[in-house]
Amino acid sequence: MKKKTGRAVARLTELMDIPGEPALGVARVTVTGGHKVQIENHRGLLEYEADRITVNTMDVPVRIRGRGLEIAAMSDLELAVTGKVDGVEFVR
């Protein structure tokens, strides 16, 4: 039943031409210039070190690697990481 509901919501957001990420709870990861990573629809932190931050999402955790990484802002829905970003990966 959950799969059908998810597909229905995805189809509806497509028909209405609205972004599906917020409606589906899917994470949106935006990397800006190698110095900022923004994650929408996160589920909290799993790991926080100066060279590695792992963020939980609905689907798969997202790992940010770099140097001098800091949480610049965090709310219930959005998270911003700043510092020298060397890479972003999905942890399977």
N, C-alpha and C. Protein backbone atom coordinates (compact mmCIF):
# COMPACT_ATOMS: atom_id res chain seq x y z
N MET A 1 0.83 -1.20 0.00
CA MET A 1 0.00 0.00 0.00
C MET A 1 0.87 1.26 0.00
N LYS A 2 1.98 1.23 0.77
CA LYS A 2 2.85 2.39 0.87
C LYS A 2 3.47 2.73 -0.49
N LYS A 3 3.85 1.70 -1.29
CA LYS A 3 4.43 1.93 -2.60
C LYS A 3 3.42 2.62 -3.52
N LYS A 4 2.16 2.17 -3.46
CA LYS A 4 1.12 2.77 -4.31
C LYS A 4 0.91 4.24 -3.95
N THR A 5 0.90 4.52 -2.65
CA THR A 5 0.72 5.90 -2.20
C THR A 5 1.89 6.76 -2.67
N GLY A 6 3.11 6.24 -2.53
CA GLY A 6 4.29 6.97 -2.97
C GLY A 6 4.26 7.26 -4.46
N ARG A 7 3.85 6.27 -5.24
CA ARG A 7 3.76 6.47 -6.70
C ARG A 7 2.67 7.48 -7.04
N ALA A 8 1.55 7.44 -6.31
CA ALA A 8 0.46 8.37 -6.56
C ALA A 8 0.90 9.81 -6.27
N VAL A 9 1.60 9.99 -5.15
CA VAL A 9 2.09 11.33 -4.79
C VAL A 9 3.11 11.80 -5.84
N ALA A 10 4.01 10.90 -6.26
CA ALA A 10 5.00 11.26 -7.28
C ALA A 10 4.32 11.68 -8.58
N ARG A 11 3.33 10.94 -8.98
CA ARG A 11 2.60 11.27 -10.22
C ARG A 11 1.86 12.60 -10.08
N LEU A 12 1.24 12.81 -8.94
CA LEU A 12 0.50 14.05 -8.70
C LEU A 12 1.43 15.26 -8.72
N THR A 13 2.59 15.15 -8.06
CA THR A 13 3.52 16.28 -8.07
C THR A 13 4.05 16.54 -9.47
N GLU A 14 4.22 15.48 -10.26
CA GLU A 14 4.66 15.65 -11.65
C GLU A 14 3.59 16.36 -12.47
N LEU A 15 2.34 15.95 -12.33
CA LEU A 15 1.24 16.56 -13.07
C LEU A 15 1.04 18.02 -12.69
N MET A 16 1.24 18.32 -11.40
CA MET A 16 1.05 19.69 -10.94
C MET A 16 2.30 20.54 -11.11
N ASP A 17 3.38 19.91 -11.61
CA ASP A 17 4.63 20.61 -11.87
C ASP A 17 5.18 21.30 -10.63
N ILE A 18 5.18 20.55 -9.52
CA ILE A 18 5.78 21.05 -8.28
C ILE A 18 6.91 20.11 -7.87
N PRO A 19 7.90 20.60 -7.15
CA PRO A 19 9.01 19.73 -6.72
C PRO A 19 8.49 18.59 -5.86
N GLY A 20 8.91 17.39 -6.17
CA GLY A 20 8.43 16.23 -5.45
C GLY A 20 9.16 15.94 -4.16
N GLU A 21 10.37 16.47 -3.99
CA GLU A 21 11.18 16.14 -2.82
C GLU A 21 10.45 16.40 -1.50
N PRO A 22 9.89 17.60 -1.31
CA PRO A 22 9.22 17.84 -0.02
C PRO A 22 8.01 16.93 0.19
N ALA A 23 7.23 16.71 -0.85
CA ALA A 23 6.03 15.88 -0.73
C ALA A 23 6.37 14.42 -0.46
N LEU A 24 7.44 13.93 -1.04
CA LEU A 24 7.82 12.54 -0.89
C LEU A 24 8.78 12.30 0.26
N GLY A 25 9.32 13.36 0.86
CA GLY A 25 10.28 13.21 1.94
C GLY A 25 11.66 12.81 1.46
N VAL A 26 11.91 12.94 0.17
CA VAL A 26 13.20 12.57 -0.42
C VAL A 26 14.20 13.69 -0.16
N ALA A 27 15.43 13.31 0.17
CA ALA A 27 16.46 14.32 0.45
C ALA A 27 16.91 14.99 -0.84
N ARG A 28 17.16 16.28 -0.73
CA ARG A 28 17.75 17.04 -1.83
C ARG A 28 19.11 17.53 -1.34
N VAL A 29 20.17 17.16 -2.08
CA VAL A 29 21.53 17.54 -1.71
C VAL A 29 22.04 18.55 -2.73
N THR A 30 22.48 19.71 -2.25
CA THR A 30 23.00 20.76 -3.11
C THR A 30 24.42 21.10 -2.67
N VAL A 31 25.36 21.02 -3.61
CA VAL A 31 26.75 21.36 -3.34
C VAL A 31 27.04 22.68 -4.05
N THR A 32 27.58 23.64 -3.32
CA THR A 32 27.87 24.95 -3.88
C THR A 32 29.37 25.23 -3.78
N GLY A 33 30.03 25.24 -4.93
CA GLY A 33 31.41 25.69 -5.04
C GLY A 33 32.45 25.00 -4.17
N GLY A 34 32.23 23.78 -3.74
CA GLY A 34 33.23 23.09 -2.95
C GLY A 34 33.40 23.61 -1.54
N HIS A 35 32.46 24.45 -1.09
CA HIS A 35 32.59 25.00 0.27
C HIS A 35 31.28 24.96 1.06
N LYS A 36 30.20 24.49 0.43
CA LYS A 36 28.93 24.42 1.15
C LYS A 36 28.10 23.26 0.61
N VAL A 37 27.50 22.50 1.54
CA VAL A 37 26.58 21.43 1.18
C VAL A 37 25.29 21.67 1.96
N GLN A 38 24.19 21.65 1.25
CA GLN A 38 22.90 21.86 1.87
C GLN A 38 22.07 20.60 1.64
N ILE A 39 21.47 20.07 2.69
CA ILE A 39 20.64 18.88 2.59
C ILE A 39 19.25 19.20 3.13
N GLU A 40 18.25 19.03 2.27
CA GLU A 40 16.86 19.23 2.67
C GLU A 40 16.25 17.87 2.98
N ASN A 41 15.31 17.84 3.89
CA ASN A 41 14.61 16.62 4.31
C ASN A 41 15.54 15.61 4.98
N HIS A 42 16.45 16.09 5.82
CA HIS A 42 17.35 15.20 6.55
C HIS A 42 16.64 14.58 7.75
N ARG A 43 17.25 13.56 8.31
CA ARG A 43 16.71 12.88 9.50
C ARG A 43 17.69 12.91 10.66
N GLY A 44 18.59 13.90 10.66
CA GLY A 44 19.54 14.04 11.77
C GLY A 44 20.94 13.60 11.42
N LEU A 45 21.85 13.80 12.36
CA LEU A 45 23.26 13.47 12.16
C LEU A 45 23.56 12.06 12.66
N LEU A 46 24.39 11.36 11.92
CA LEU A 46 24.88 10.05 12.34
C LEU A 46 26.33 10.13 12.82
N GLU A 47 27.08 11.08 12.25
CA GLU A 47 28.51 11.22 12.56
C GLU A 47 28.90 12.68 12.34
N TYR A 48 29.74 13.21 13.25
CA TYR A 48 30.16 14.60 13.11
C TYR A 48 31.62 14.73 13.55
N GLU A 49 32.50 14.86 12.60
CA GLU A 49 33.93 15.09 12.82
C GLU A 49 34.34 16.26 11.92
N ALA A 50 35.49 16.85 12.16
CA ALA A 50 35.96 17.99 11.35
C ALA A 50 36.25 17.59 9.90
N ASP A 51 36.50 16.29 9.67
CA ASP A 51 36.82 15.85 8.31
C ASP A 51 35.73 14.96 7.69
N ARG A 52 34.63 14.70 8.46
CA ARG A 52 33.60 13.82 7.95
C ARG A 52 32.29 14.05 8.71
N ILE A 53 31.23 14.29 7.96
CA ILE A 53 29.91 14.43 8.55
C ILE A 53 28.97 13.49 7.79
N THR A 54 28.26 12.64 8.53
CA THR A 54 27.30 11.74 7.91
C THR A 54 25.90 12.13 8.37
N VAL A 55 25.02 12.33 7.39
CA VAL A 55 23.67 12.80 7.65
C VAL A 55 22.68 11.70 7.27
N ASN A 56 21.76 11.43 8.15
CA ASN A 56 20.73 10.43 7.88
C ASN A 56 19.64 11.05 7.00
N THR A 57 19.16 10.28 6.03
CA THR A 57 18.03 10.70 5.20
C THR A 57 17.04 9.54 5.15
N MET A 58 15.91 9.75 4.54
CA MET A 58 14.89 8.72 4.45
C MET A 58 15.40 7.51 3.66
N ASP A 59 16.15 7.75 2.60
CA ASP A 59 16.61 6.67 1.73
C ASP A 59 17.94 6.09 2.17
N VAL A 60 18.98 6.90 2.14
CA VAL A 60 20.34 6.41 2.37
C VAL A 60 21.15 7.54 3.02
N PRO A 61 22.03 7.22 3.97
CA PRO A 61 22.85 8.27 4.58
C PRO A 61 23.75 8.96 3.56
N VAL A 62 24.02 10.23 3.79
CA VAL A 62 24.89 11.04 2.93
C VAL A 62 26.13 11.40 3.74
N ARG A 63 27.31 11.07 3.20
CA ARG A 63 28.57 11.38 3.88
C ARG A 63 29.27 12.53 3.15
N ILE A 64 29.66 13.54 3.90
CA ILE A 64 30.40 14.69 3.38
C ILE A 64 31.82 14.56 3.90
N ARG A 65 32.80 14.57 3.00
CA ARG A 65 34.20 14.48 3.38
C ARG A 65 34.89 15.80 3.07
N GLY A 66 35.83 16.20 3.91
CA GLY A 66 36.55 17.45 3.67
C GLY A 66 37.42 17.84 4.84
N ARG A 67 37.67 19.12 4.95
CA ARG A 67 38.50 19.66 6.03
C ARG A 67 37.80 20.86 6.65
N GLY A 68 37.89 20.95 7.96
CA GLY A 68 37.27 22.07 8.66
C GLY A 68 35.77 22.14 8.49
N LEU A 69 35.11 20.98 8.41
CA LEU A 69 33.66 20.95 8.21
C LEU A 69 32.93 21.37 9.48
N GLU A 70 31.90 22.17 9.30
CA GLU A 70 31.09 22.66 10.42
C GLU A 70 29.63 22.66 10.02
N ILE A 71 28.76 22.47 11.00
CA ILE A 71 27.33 22.64 10.77
C ILE A 71 27.05 24.14 10.87
N ALA A 72 26.74 24.76 9.74
CA ALA A 72 26.49 26.21 9.72
C ALA A 72 25.07 26.52 10.16
N ALA A 73 24.14 25.63 9.83
CA ALA A 73 22.74 25.83 10.21
C ALA A 73 22.04 24.48 10.20
N MET A 74 21.05 24.34 11.10
CA MET A 74 20.30 23.09 11.14
C MET A 74 18.91 23.36 11.68
N SER A 75 17.92 22.89 10.94
CA SER A 75 16.53 22.95 11.38
C SER A 75 15.93 21.56 11.23
N ASP A 76 14.66 21.44 11.48
CA ASP A 76 14.00 20.14 11.35
C ASP A 76 14.09 19.60 9.92
N LEU A 77 14.09 20.49 8.93
CA LEU A 77 14.07 20.05 7.53
C LEU A 77 15.36 20.28 6.77
N GLU A 78 16.16 21.24 7.19
CA GLU A 78 17.33 21.64 6.41
C GLU A 78 18.61 21.63 7.24
N LEU A 79 19.71 21.31 6.55
CA LEU A 79 21.02 21.25 7.20
C LEU A 79 22.04 21.86 6.24
N ALA A 80 22.90 22.74 6.75
CA ALA A 80 23.95 23.35 5.92
C ALA A 80 25.30 23.06 6.55
N VAL A 81 26.22 22.54 5.73
CA VAL A 81 27.58 22.23 6.15
C VAL A 81 28.53 23.12 5.37
N THR A 82 29.47 23.76 6.06
CA THR A 82 30.47 24.60 5.39
C THR A 82 31.87 24.08 5.71
N GLY A 83 32.81 24.48 4.91
CA GLY A 83 34.20 24.07 5.05
C GLY A 83 34.75 23.70 3.68
N LYS A 84 35.91 23.08 3.64
CA LYS A 84 36.50 22.63 2.37
C LYS A 84 35.93 21.26 2.07
N VAL A 85 35.01 21.19 1.12
CA VAL A 85 34.32 19.94 0.78
C VAL A 85 35.11 19.21 -0.31
N ASP A 86 35.58 18.00 0.03
CA ASP A 86 36.31 17.17 -0.93
C ASP A 86 35.41 16.19 -1.66
N GLY A 87 34.30 15.80 -1.03
CA GLY A 87 33.42 14.85 -1.68
C GLY A 87 32.13 14.63 -0.92
N VAL A 88 31.12 14.20 -1.66
CA VAL A 88 29.82 13.85 -1.09
C VAL A 88 29.46 12.49 -1.64
N GLU A 89 29.09 11.56 -0.76
CA GLU A 89 28.75 10.22 -1.22
C GLU A 89 27.53 9.68 -0.50
N PHE A 90 26.84 8.78 -1.17
CA PHE A 90 25.71 8.07 -0.57
C PHE A 90 26.25 6.76 0.00
N VAL A 91 26.00 6.52 1.28
CA VAL A 91 26.56 5.36 1.97
C VAL A 91 25.54 4.23 1.87
N ARG A 92 25.94 3.17 1.20
CA ARG A 92 25.05 2.00 1.04
C ARG A 92 25.39 0.94 2.02
